[in-house]
N, C-alpha and C. Protein backbone atom coordinates (compact mmCIF):
# COMPACT_ATOMS: atom_id res chain seq x y z
N UNK A 1 22.52 15.00 -15.54
CA UNK A 1 22.94 14.15 -14.45
C UNK A 1 23.08 14.94 -13.15
N UNK A 2 23.53 16.16 -13.24
CA UNK A 2 23.64 16.99 -12.04
C UNK A 2 22.27 17.24 -11.42
N UNK A 3 21.25 17.40 -12.28
CA UNK A 3 19.89 17.60 -11.78
C UNK A 3 19.41 16.36 -11.02
N UNK A 4 19.75 15.17 -11.53
CA UNK A 4 19.34 13.93 -10.88
C UNK A 4 19.95 13.82 -9.49
N UNK A 5 21.23 14.14 -9.38
CA UNK A 5 21.92 14.06 -8.09
C UNK A 5 21.31 15.05 -7.11
N UNK A 6 21.04 16.28 -7.57
CA UNK A 6 20.43 17.28 -6.71
C UNK A 6 19.04 16.82 -6.27
N UNK A 7 18.29 16.25 -7.21
CA UNK A 7 16.95 15.76 -6.90
C UNK A 7 17.00 14.69 -5.81
N UNK A 8 17.91 13.75 -5.96
CA UNK A 8 18.03 12.68 -4.97
C UNK A 8 18.40 13.21 -3.59
N UNK A 9 19.29 14.19 -3.54
CA UNK A 9 19.69 14.77 -2.24
C UNK A 9 18.53 15.54 -1.61
N UNK A 10 17.76 16.24 -2.41
CA UNK A 10 16.66 17.03 -1.88
C UNK A 10 15.51 16.17 -1.38
N UNK A 11 15.34 14.99 -1.94
CA UNK A 11 14.26 14.11 -1.50
C UNK A 11 14.43 13.66 -0.06
N UNK A 12 15.64 13.68 0.42
CA UNK A 12 15.89 13.24 1.78
C UNK A 12 15.12 14.13 2.76
N UNK A 13 14.92 15.37 2.41
CA UNK A 13 14.16 16.28 3.24
C UNK A 13 12.69 16.15 2.85
N UNK A 14 11.88 15.58 3.72
CA UNK A 14 10.48 15.28 3.36
C UNK A 14 9.70 16.53 3.00
N UNK A 15 9.95 17.64 3.64
CA UNK A 15 9.25 18.88 3.30
C UNK A 15 9.55 19.29 1.87
N UNK A 16 10.80 19.16 1.46
CA UNK A 16 11.17 19.48 0.09
C UNK A 16 10.47 18.54 -0.87
N UNK A 17 10.42 17.27 -0.52
CA UNK A 17 9.75 16.29 -1.38
C UNK A 17 8.28 16.65 -1.54
N UNK A 18 7.63 17.06 -0.47
CA UNK A 18 6.22 17.42 -0.54
C UNK A 18 6.00 18.60 -1.48
N UNK A 19 6.89 19.58 -1.46
CA UNK A 19 6.78 20.73 -2.37
C UNK A 19 6.99 20.27 -3.81
N UNK A 20 8.01 19.45 -4.04
CA UNK A 20 8.30 18.97 -5.39
C UNK A 20 7.11 18.21 -5.96
N UNK A 21 6.54 17.30 -5.18
CA UNK A 21 5.44 16.49 -5.69
C UNK A 21 4.14 17.27 -5.77
N UNK A 22 4.01 18.27 -4.94
CA UNK A 22 2.82 19.11 -4.97
C UNK A 22 2.69 19.92 -6.25
N UNK A 23 3.79 20.12 -6.91
CA UNK A 23 3.78 20.90 -8.16
C UNK A 23 3.60 20.04 -9.41
N UNK A 24 3.52 18.74 -9.25
CA UNK A 24 3.32 17.82 -10.38
C UNK A 24 4.26 18.12 -11.55
N UNK A 25 5.54 18.10 -11.26
CA UNK A 25 6.54 18.44 -12.27
C UNK A 25 6.97 17.27 -13.14
N UNK A 26 6.49 16.09 -12.85
CA UNK A 26 7.01 14.91 -13.53
C UNK A 26 6.02 14.34 -14.53
N UNK A 27 6.56 13.64 -15.50
CA UNK A 27 5.76 13.01 -16.55
C UNK A 27 5.64 11.52 -16.25
N UNK A 28 4.73 10.87 -16.95
CA UNK A 28 4.53 9.42 -16.78
C UNK A 28 5.84 8.66 -16.96
N UNK A 29 6.68 9.09 -17.88
CA UNK A 29 7.92 8.36 -18.17
C UNK A 29 8.89 8.40 -16.99
N UNK A 30 8.72 9.33 -16.07
CA UNK A 30 9.61 9.47 -14.93
C UNK A 30 9.20 8.62 -13.73
N UNK A 31 8.04 8.00 -13.77
CA UNK A 31 7.45 7.39 -12.59
C UNK A 31 8.34 6.37 -11.89
N UNK A 32 8.91 5.45 -12.62
CA UNK A 32 9.73 4.41 -12.00
C UNK A 32 10.99 5.01 -11.38
N UNK A 33 11.60 5.93 -12.09
CA UNK A 33 12.81 6.59 -11.57
C UNK A 33 12.49 7.37 -10.29
N UNK A 34 11.41 8.14 -10.33
CA UNK A 34 11.01 8.94 -9.16
C UNK A 34 10.68 8.01 -7.99
N UNK A 35 9.96 6.92 -8.27
CA UNK A 35 9.65 5.96 -7.22
C UNK A 35 10.92 5.41 -6.58
N UNK A 36 11.91 5.09 -7.40
CA UNK A 36 13.17 4.58 -6.88
C UNK A 36 13.90 5.58 -6.01
N UNK A 37 13.89 6.84 -6.42
CA UNK A 37 14.51 7.90 -5.62
C UNK A 37 13.80 8.05 -4.28
N UNK A 38 12.48 8.01 -4.32
CA UNK A 38 11.70 8.13 -3.08
C UNK A 38 11.99 6.95 -2.16
N UNK A 39 12.04 5.76 -2.73
CA UNK A 39 12.31 4.57 -1.92
C UNK A 39 13.68 4.67 -1.27
N UNK A 40 14.67 5.08 -2.03
CA UNK A 40 16.03 5.24 -1.51
C UNK A 40 16.06 6.24 -0.37
N UNK A 41 15.25 7.29 -0.48
CA UNK A 41 15.20 8.33 0.55
C UNK A 41 14.34 7.91 1.75
N UNK A 42 13.71 6.73 1.68
CA UNK A 42 12.87 6.27 2.78
C UNK A 42 11.47 6.85 2.76
N UNK A 43 11.08 7.45 1.64
CA UNK A 43 9.73 8.02 1.50
C UNK A 43 8.86 6.98 0.80
N UNK A 44 8.52 5.93 1.52
CA UNK A 44 7.86 4.79 0.92
C UNK A 44 6.47 5.09 0.39
N UNK A 45 5.71 5.93 1.08
CA UNK A 45 4.38 6.24 0.56
C UNK A 45 4.49 7.05 -0.73
N UNK A 46 5.49 7.90 -0.84
CA UNK A 46 5.71 8.64 -2.09
C UNK A 46 6.16 7.68 -3.20
N UNK A 47 6.98 6.71 -2.85
CA UNK A 47 7.41 5.72 -3.84
C UNK A 47 6.20 4.95 -4.37
N UNK A 48 5.30 4.57 -3.48
CA UNK A 48 4.10 3.84 -3.90
C UNK A 48 3.25 4.68 -4.85
N UNK A 49 3.23 5.97 -4.67
CA UNK A 49 2.46 6.85 -5.55
C UNK A 49 3.00 6.85 -6.98
N UNK A 50 4.27 6.47 -7.13
CA UNK A 50 4.90 6.52 -8.45
C UNK A 50 5.14 5.15 -9.08
N UNK A 51 5.27 4.13 -8.28
CA UNK A 51 5.53 2.80 -8.82
C UNK A 51 4.29 2.22 -9.49
N UNK A 52 4.52 1.44 -10.55
CA UNK A 52 3.43 0.75 -11.24
C UNK A 52 3.67 -0.75 -11.31
N UNK A 53 4.89 -1.18 -11.11
CA UNK A 53 5.23 -2.60 -11.19
C UNK A 53 4.96 -3.28 -9.85
N UNK A 54 4.36 -4.44 -9.90
CA UNK A 54 3.96 -5.16 -8.69
C UNK A 54 5.15 -5.43 -7.77
N UNK A 55 6.28 -5.83 -8.31
CA UNK A 55 7.46 -6.14 -7.47
C UNK A 55 7.90 -4.91 -6.67
N UNK A 56 7.86 -3.74 -7.29
CA UNK A 56 8.24 -2.50 -6.60
C UNK A 56 7.23 -2.17 -5.51
N UNK A 57 5.97 -2.34 -5.82
CA UNK A 57 4.89 -2.04 -4.87
C UNK A 57 5.01 -2.95 -3.64
N UNK A 58 5.19 -4.23 -3.88
CA UNK A 58 5.30 -5.22 -2.79
C UNK A 58 6.49 -4.90 -1.89
N UNK A 59 7.59 -4.53 -2.50
CA UNK A 59 8.80 -4.22 -1.73
C UNK A 59 8.56 -3.00 -0.81
N UNK A 60 7.86 -2.01 -1.31
CA UNK A 60 7.64 -0.78 -0.53
C UNK A 60 6.54 -0.92 0.52
N UNK A 61 5.49 -1.60 0.17
CA UNK A 61 4.33 -1.62 1.08
C UNK A 61 4.64 -2.37 2.38
N UNK A 62 5.68 -3.17 2.36
CA UNK A 62 6.06 -3.91 3.56
C UNK A 62 6.58 -3.00 4.68
N UNK A 63 6.89 -1.76 4.36
CA UNK A 63 7.42 -0.81 5.35
C UNK A 63 6.29 -0.11 6.10
N UNK A 64 5.43 -0.89 6.73
CA UNK A 64 4.23 -0.35 7.37
C UNK A 64 4.53 0.58 8.54
N UNK A 65 5.70 0.45 9.10
CA UNK A 65 6.06 1.32 10.22
C UNK A 65 6.41 2.73 9.75
N UNK A 66 6.57 2.91 8.44
CA UNK A 66 6.96 4.20 7.89
C UNK A 66 5.93 4.80 6.93
N UNK A 67 4.78 4.15 6.82
CA UNK A 67 3.72 4.62 5.92
C UNK A 67 2.45 4.77 6.75
N UNK A 68 1.76 5.89 6.64
CA UNK A 68 0.50 6.04 7.40
C UNK A 68 -0.50 4.94 7.06
N UNK A 69 -1.12 4.37 8.08
CA UNK A 69 -2.07 3.27 7.88
C UNK A 69 -3.22 3.67 6.96
N UNK A 70 -3.72 4.90 7.10
CA UNK A 70 -4.83 5.35 6.25
C UNK A 70 -4.42 5.34 4.78
N UNK A 71 -3.17 5.71 4.52
CA UNK A 71 -2.67 5.69 3.15
C UNK A 71 -2.68 4.27 2.60
N UNK A 72 -2.19 3.32 3.39
CA UNK A 72 -2.11 1.93 2.94
C UNK A 72 -3.51 1.38 2.65
N UNK A 73 -4.46 1.64 3.54
CA UNK A 73 -5.83 1.15 3.35
C UNK A 73 -6.39 1.68 2.04
N UNK A 74 -6.25 2.96 1.81
CA UNK A 74 -6.75 3.58 0.59
C UNK A 74 -5.99 3.06 -0.64
N UNK A 75 -4.68 2.98 -0.51
CA UNK A 75 -3.83 2.57 -1.64
C UNK A 75 -4.17 1.17 -2.13
N UNK A 76 -4.32 0.23 -1.22
CA UNK A 76 -4.60 -1.16 -1.62
C UNK A 76 -5.90 -1.24 -2.42
N UNK A 77 -6.93 -0.54 -1.99
CA UNK A 77 -8.19 -0.54 -2.73
C UNK A 77 -8.08 0.15 -4.07
N UNK A 78 -7.41 1.29 -4.09
CA UNK A 78 -7.29 2.05 -5.34
C UNK A 78 -6.45 1.30 -6.37
N UNK A 79 -5.35 0.69 -5.93
CA UNK A 79 -4.50 -0.04 -6.88
C UNK A 79 -5.24 -1.26 -7.41
N UNK A 80 -6.11 -1.83 -6.59
CA UNK A 80 -6.91 -2.98 -7.04
C UNK A 80 -7.91 -2.56 -8.11
N UNK A 81 -8.44 -1.35 -7.98
CA UNK A 81 -9.39 -0.84 -8.98
C UNK A 81 -8.67 -0.38 -10.24
N UNK A 82 -7.56 0.34 -10.07
CA UNK A 82 -6.86 0.91 -11.22
C UNK A 82 -6.13 -0.15 -12.04
N UNK A 83 -5.49 -1.07 -11.39
CA UNK A 83 -4.73 -2.11 -12.09
C UNK A 83 -5.59 -3.35 -12.25
N UNK A 84 -5.60 -4.15 -11.21
CA UNK A 84 -6.42 -5.36 -11.14
C UNK A 84 -6.40 -5.87 -9.71
N UNK A 85 -7.39 -6.66 -9.31
CA UNK A 85 -7.44 -7.15 -7.92
C UNK A 85 -6.18 -7.89 -7.49
N UNK A 86 -5.48 -8.51 -8.41
CA UNK A 86 -4.25 -9.24 -8.08
C UNK A 86 -3.29 -8.35 -7.28
N UNK A 87 -3.21 -7.07 -7.61
CA UNK A 87 -2.32 -6.16 -6.91
C UNK A 87 -2.73 -6.04 -5.44
N UNK A 88 -4.00 -5.89 -5.19
CA UNK A 88 -4.49 -5.80 -3.81
C UNK A 88 -4.25 -7.07 -3.03
N UNK A 89 -4.50 -8.22 -3.68
CA UNK A 89 -4.28 -9.50 -3.00
C UNK A 89 -2.81 -9.68 -2.64
N UNK A 90 -1.93 -9.33 -3.55
CA UNK A 90 -0.50 -9.49 -3.27
C UNK A 90 -0.04 -8.55 -2.15
N UNK A 91 -0.57 -7.34 -2.14
CA UNK A 91 -0.26 -6.41 -1.04
C UNK A 91 -0.75 -7.01 0.28
N UNK A 92 -1.96 -7.51 0.28
CA UNK A 92 -2.53 -8.11 1.49
C UNK A 92 -1.73 -9.34 1.92
N UNK A 93 -1.26 -10.11 0.96
CA UNK A 93 -0.47 -11.30 1.26
C UNK A 93 0.82 -10.88 1.99
N UNK A 94 1.49 -9.85 1.49
CA UNK A 94 2.73 -9.38 2.12
C UNK A 94 2.44 -8.80 3.50
N UNK A 95 1.41 -7.98 3.60
CA UNK A 95 1.08 -7.35 4.87
C UNK A 95 0.66 -8.37 5.92
N UNK A 96 -0.03 -9.41 5.51
CA UNK A 96 -0.53 -10.39 6.49
C UNK A 96 0.55 -11.36 6.96
N UNK A 97 1.74 -11.26 6.43
CA UNK A 97 2.85 -12.10 6.92
C UNK A 97 3.38 -11.61 8.26
N UNK A 98 3.07 -10.37 8.61
CA UNK A 98 3.54 -9.79 9.87
C UNK A 98 2.38 -9.68 10.84
N UNK A 99 2.50 -10.34 11.95
CA UNK A 99 1.41 -10.35 12.95
C UNK A 99 1.10 -8.95 13.48
N UNK A 100 2.04 -8.04 13.42
CA UNK A 100 1.79 -6.66 13.86
C UNK A 100 0.81 -5.92 12.96
N UNK A 101 0.52 -6.48 11.80
CA UNK A 101 -0.36 -5.82 10.83
C UNK A 101 -1.81 -6.32 10.88
N UNK A 102 -2.19 -7.00 11.95
CA UNK A 102 -3.55 -7.55 12.04
C UNK A 102 -4.59 -6.45 11.87
N UNK A 103 -4.46 -5.37 12.62
CA UNK A 103 -5.43 -4.27 12.55
C UNK A 103 -5.42 -3.64 11.16
N UNK A 104 -4.25 -3.43 10.59
CA UNK A 104 -4.14 -2.84 9.26
C UNK A 104 -4.82 -3.72 8.22
N UNK A 105 -4.54 -5.01 8.26
CA UNK A 105 -5.16 -5.94 7.31
C UNK A 105 -6.68 -5.96 7.47
N UNK A 106 -7.13 -5.94 8.72
CA UNK A 106 -8.57 -5.93 8.97
C UNK A 106 -9.20 -4.66 8.43
N UNK A 107 -8.53 -3.53 8.61
CA UNK A 107 -9.05 -2.26 8.07
C UNK A 107 -9.14 -2.28 6.55
N UNK A 108 -8.13 -2.85 5.90
CA UNK A 108 -8.14 -2.96 4.44
C UNK A 108 -9.32 -3.81 3.99
N UNK A 109 -9.46 -4.95 4.62
CA UNK A 109 -10.53 -5.88 4.24
C UNK A 109 -11.90 -5.28 4.50
N UNK A 110 -12.08 -4.64 5.65
CA UNK A 110 -13.37 -4.05 5.96
C UNK A 110 -13.71 -2.91 5.00
N UNK A 111 -12.70 -2.25 4.46
CA UNK A 111 -12.94 -1.16 3.52
C UNK A 111 -13.20 -1.64 2.10
N UNK A 112 -12.56 -2.73 1.69
CA UNK A 112 -12.58 -3.10 0.27
C UNK A 112 -13.20 -4.45 -0.06
N UNK A 113 -13.45 -5.31 0.93
CA UNK A 113 -14.04 -6.62 0.65
C UNK A 113 -15.45 -6.43 0.09
N UNK A 114 -15.73 -7.18 -0.93
CA UNK A 114 -17.04 -7.09 -1.57
C UNK A 114 -17.14 -5.96 -2.59
N UNK A 115 -16.17 -5.04 -2.57
CA UNK A 115 -16.16 -3.94 -3.54
C UNK A 115 -15.17 -4.26 -4.66
N UNK A 116 -13.90 -4.41 -4.29
CA UNK A 116 -12.90 -4.77 -5.30
C UNK A 116 -12.14 -6.04 -4.93
N UNK A 117 -12.29 -6.49 -3.71
CA UNK A 117 -11.61 -7.70 -3.26
C UNK A 117 -12.63 -8.74 -2.82
N UNK A 118 -12.41 -9.99 -3.22
CA UNK A 118 -13.31 -11.09 -2.91
C UNK A 118 -13.04 -11.63 -1.50
N UNK A 119 -14.09 -11.77 -0.72
CA UNK A 119 -13.95 -12.23 0.67
C UNK A 119 -13.30 -13.62 0.77
N UNK A 120 -13.65 -14.52 -0.12
CA UNK A 120 -13.08 -15.88 -0.06
C UNK A 120 -11.57 -15.84 -0.28
N UNK A 121 -11.14 -15.04 -1.24
CA UNK A 121 -9.70 -14.93 -1.51
C UNK A 121 -8.98 -14.31 -0.32
N UNK A 122 -9.59 -13.32 0.29
CA UNK A 122 -9.00 -12.66 1.46
C UNK A 122 -8.84 -13.66 2.61
N UNK A 123 -9.88 -14.41 2.89
CA UNK A 123 -9.82 -15.40 3.97
C UNK A 123 -8.78 -16.47 3.66
N UNK A 124 -8.66 -16.84 2.39
CA UNK A 124 -7.63 -17.80 1.97
C UNK A 124 -6.23 -17.24 2.26
N UNK A 125 -6.01 -15.98 1.93
CA UNK A 125 -4.71 -15.34 2.17
C UNK A 125 -4.41 -15.30 3.66
N UNK A 126 -5.40 -14.92 4.46
CA UNK A 126 -5.20 -14.90 5.91
C UNK A 126 -4.89 -16.29 6.43
N UNK A 127 -5.57 -17.29 5.90
CA UNK A 127 -5.31 -18.67 6.31
C UNK A 127 -3.90 -19.12 5.97
N UNK A 128 -3.42 -18.75 4.78
CA UNK A 128 -2.04 -19.08 4.37
C UNK A 128 -1.04 -18.56 5.39
N UNK A 129 -1.30 -17.38 5.89
CA UNK A 129 -0.35 -16.72 6.80
C UNK A 129 -0.73 -16.88 8.27
N UNK A 130 -1.67 -17.78 8.52
CA UNK A 130 -2.10 -18.09 9.89
C UNK A 130 -2.49 -16.83 10.66
N UNK A 131 -3.20 -15.94 9.98
CA UNK A 131 -3.66 -14.70 10.59
C UNK A 131 -5.14 -14.86 10.96
N UNK A 132 -5.38 -15.78 11.87
CA UNK A 132 -6.73 -16.13 12.28
C UNK A 132 -7.44 -14.95 12.95
N UNK A 133 -6.69 -14.15 13.71
CA UNK A 133 -7.30 -13.00 14.38
C UNK A 133 -7.91 -12.03 13.36
N UNK A 134 -7.26 -11.85 12.21
CA UNK A 134 -7.80 -10.96 11.18
C UNK A 134 -9.09 -11.54 10.60
N UNK A 135 -9.15 -12.85 10.41
CA UNK A 135 -10.38 -13.48 9.92
C UNK A 135 -11.49 -13.25 10.94
N UNK A 136 -11.18 -13.47 12.21
CA UNK A 136 -12.17 -13.28 13.27
C UNK A 136 -12.67 -11.83 13.28
N UNK A 137 -11.77 -10.86 13.24
CA UNK A 137 -12.17 -9.45 13.29
C UNK A 137 -13.00 -9.06 12.07
N UNK A 138 -12.65 -9.61 10.92
CA UNK A 138 -13.42 -9.30 9.72
C UNK A 138 -14.83 -9.90 9.82
N UNK A 139 -14.93 -11.15 10.23
CA UNK A 139 -16.24 -11.77 10.37
C UNK A 139 -17.08 -11.09 11.44
N UNK A 140 -16.44 -10.63 12.49
CA UNK A 140 -17.13 -9.89 13.54
C UNK A 140 -17.68 -8.58 12.98
N UNK A 141 -16.91 -7.94 12.11
CA UNK A 141 -17.37 -6.70 11.47
C UNK A 141 -18.59 -6.94 10.59
N UNK A 142 -18.56 -8.05 9.86
CA UNK A 142 -19.70 -8.41 9.01
C UNK A 142 -20.93 -8.68 9.87
N UNK A 143 -20.75 -9.43 10.95
CA UNK A 143 -21.86 -9.76 11.84
C UNK A 143 -22.47 -8.51 12.47
N UNK A 144 -21.64 -7.55 12.82
CA UNK A 144 -22.18 -6.33 13.44
C UNK A 144 -23.00 -5.51 12.45
N UNK A 145 -22.65 -5.53 11.18
CA UNK A 145 -23.44 -4.80 10.19
C UNK A 145 -24.77 -5.53 9.91
N UNK A 146 -24.78 -6.84 10.05
CA UNK A 146 -26.01 -7.60 9.84
C UNK A 146 -27.00 -7.38 10.99
N UNK A 147 -26.46 -7.17 12.19
CA UNK A 147 -27.30 -6.94 13.35
C UNK A 147 -28.01 -5.60 13.29
N UNK A 148 -27.39 -4.62 12.61
CA UNK A 148 -27.97 -3.28 12.52
C UNK A 148 -29.05 -3.28 11.53
């Protein structure tokens, strides 16, 4: 228990967390616990690296102001491939609820649509959340590739 308390306190320092995770000291059985500690410390991208349950992932990915955009774009596609597309769609659904995430959602879609995510489902999700600008930007991206 003393080790757990020390671990939680050390995670608050992001440099320390990077060293700890860089050494791959944890086992599969620790993933949920480690994810929770990272989330508590505000290290949301680290939490996402450890979480496997959709509810945990959805809760963390909403913190777009604290997670690098490149990480989120890559993560959504990878989790869709590793788990199932449902994970990517649910992440996109949460992200598209915030109008500030238009560019992020468009980047995700442009990177993964047609590969692991279905364009019709993506457009449906954007429609649910009235994110018309993201639909426009995605269709514009498709049109520009057709012109080339």
